[in-house]
C-alpha atoms as a PDB file:
ATOM      1  CA  MET A   1      45.062 195.566 113.259  1.00  0.00           C
ATOM      2  CA  LEU A   2      47.859 196.563 115.058  1.00  0.00           C
ATOM      3  CA  ILE A   3      48.434 198.377 118.033  1.00  0.00           C
ATOM      4  CA  ASP A   4      51.752 199.570 119.413  1.00  0.00           C
ATOM      5  CA  THR A   5      51.316 200.595 122.892  1.00  0.00           C
ATOM      6  CA  GLY A   6      55.041 201.521 123.392  1.00  0.00           C
ATOM      7  CA  TYR A   7      56.120 198.137 125.543  1.00  0.00           C
ATOM      8  CA  GLY A   8      58.287 196.462 123.205  1.00  0.00           C
ATOM      9  CA  THR A   9      60.946 193.518 123.086  1.00  0.00           C
ATOM     10  CA  ALA A  10      63.172 194.973 125.395  1.00  0.00           C
ATOM     11  CA  ASP A  11      60.278 195.285 127.877  1.00  0.00           C
ATOM     12  CA  VAL A  12      59.776 191.966 127.280  1.00  0.00           C
ATOM     13  CA  TRP A  13      63.417 190.935 127.955  1.00  0.00           C
ATOM     14  CA  GLN A  14      63.723 193.426 130.830  1.00  0.00           C
ATOM     15  CA  PRO A  15      60.738 194.666 132.140  1.00  0.00           C
ATOM     16  CA  HIS A  16      62.034 196.933 135.362  1.00  0.00           C
ATOM     17  CA  LEU A  17      64.515 198.198 133.174  1.00  0.00           C
ATOM     18  CA  ARG A  18      61.916 201.346 131.804  1.00  0.00           C
ATOM     19  CA  LEU A  19      59.552 201.138 134.447  1.00  0.00           C
ATOM     20  CA  SER A  20      59.965 200.979 138.397  1.00  0.00           C
ATOM     21  CA  LYS A  21      58.324 197.598 139.901  1.00  0.00           C
ATOM     22  CA  PHE A  22      55.640 199.929 141.578  1.00  0.00           C
ATOM     23  CA  PHE A  23      54.320 201.186 138.372  1.00  0.00           C
ATOM     24  CA  HIS A  24      54.236 197.714 137.082  1.00  0.00           C
ATOM     25  CA  ALA A  25      52.435 196.503 139.979  1.00  0.00           C
ATOM     26  CA  VAL A  26      49.908 199.363 140.050  1.00  0.00           C
ATOM     27  CA  LEU A  27      49.297 199.187 135.874  1.00  0.00           C
ATOM     28  CA  ASN A  28      48.883 195.020 135.965  1.00  0.00           C
ATOM     29  CA  ILE A  29      51.262 195.466 133.200  1.00  0.00           C
ATOM     30  CA  ARG A  30      51.813 191.706 131.981  1.00  0.00           C
ATOM     31  CA  PHE A  31      54.885 191.783 129.207  1.00  0.00           C
ATOM     32  CA  ARG A  32      54.022 188.937 126.535  1.00  0.00           C
ATOM     33  CA  ARG A  33      56.665 188.013 123.386  1.00  0.00           C
ATOM     34  CA  GLU A  34      53.912 187.209 121.452  1.00  0.00           C
ATOM     35  CA  LYS A  35      52.193 191.101 121.841  1.00  0.00           C
ATOM     36  CA  THR A  36      54.897 193.055 120.354  1.00  0.00           C
ATOM     37  CA  ALA A  37      54.974 194.757 117.390  1.00  0.00           C
ATOM     38  CA  LEU A  38      58.221 192.832 115.931  1.00  0.00           C
ATOM     39  CA  TYR A  39      56.727 189.469 116.880  1.00  0.00           C
ATOM     40  CA  GLN A  40      53.413 190.554 115.121  1.00  0.00           C
ATOM     41  CA  VAL A  41      54.888 191.870 112.100  1.00  0.00           C
ATOM     42  CA  LYS A  42      57.194 189.014 111.651  1.00  0.00           C
ATOM     43  CA  GLY A  43      54.400 186.592 111.828  1.00  0.00           C
ATOM     44  CA  LEU A  44      52.618 188.661 108.912  1.00  0.00           C
ATOM     45  CA  ALA A  45      55.381 188.079 106.694  1.00  0.00           C
ATOM     46  CA  PHE A  46      55.110 191.216 105.300  1.00  0.00           C
ATOM     47  CA  LEU A  47      58.518 192.233 106.094  1.00  0.00           C
ATOM     48  CA  ARG A  48      61.614 190.771 106.754  1.00  0.00           C
ATOM     49  CA  PRO A  49      62.554 191.154 110.713  1.00  0.00           C
ATOM     50  CA  THR A  50      65.677 193.336 109.610  1.00  0.00           C
ATOM     51  CA  PHE A  51      63.172 196.382 108.405  1.00  0.00           C
ATOM     52  CA  ALA A  52      60.961 196.210 111.607  1.00  0.00           C
ATOM     53  CA  THR A  53      63.008 198.612 114.022  1.00  0.00           C
ATOM     54  CA  SER A  54      61.960 200.099 117.264  1.00  0.00           C
ATOM     55  CA  TYR A  55      62.289 203.914 117.379  1.00  0.00           C
END
């Protein structure tokens, strides 16, 4: 099962761009590439990476 939390690949690369450091610290968010939907879908090999996009 894939649950999209709204945090994506761009958030992993630049975690403080969309969320403030305060918000990040309060929620104790741990951005990990392997938890992104794109990474998980690519791992399933159902879709080519070019078809998996973020809206």
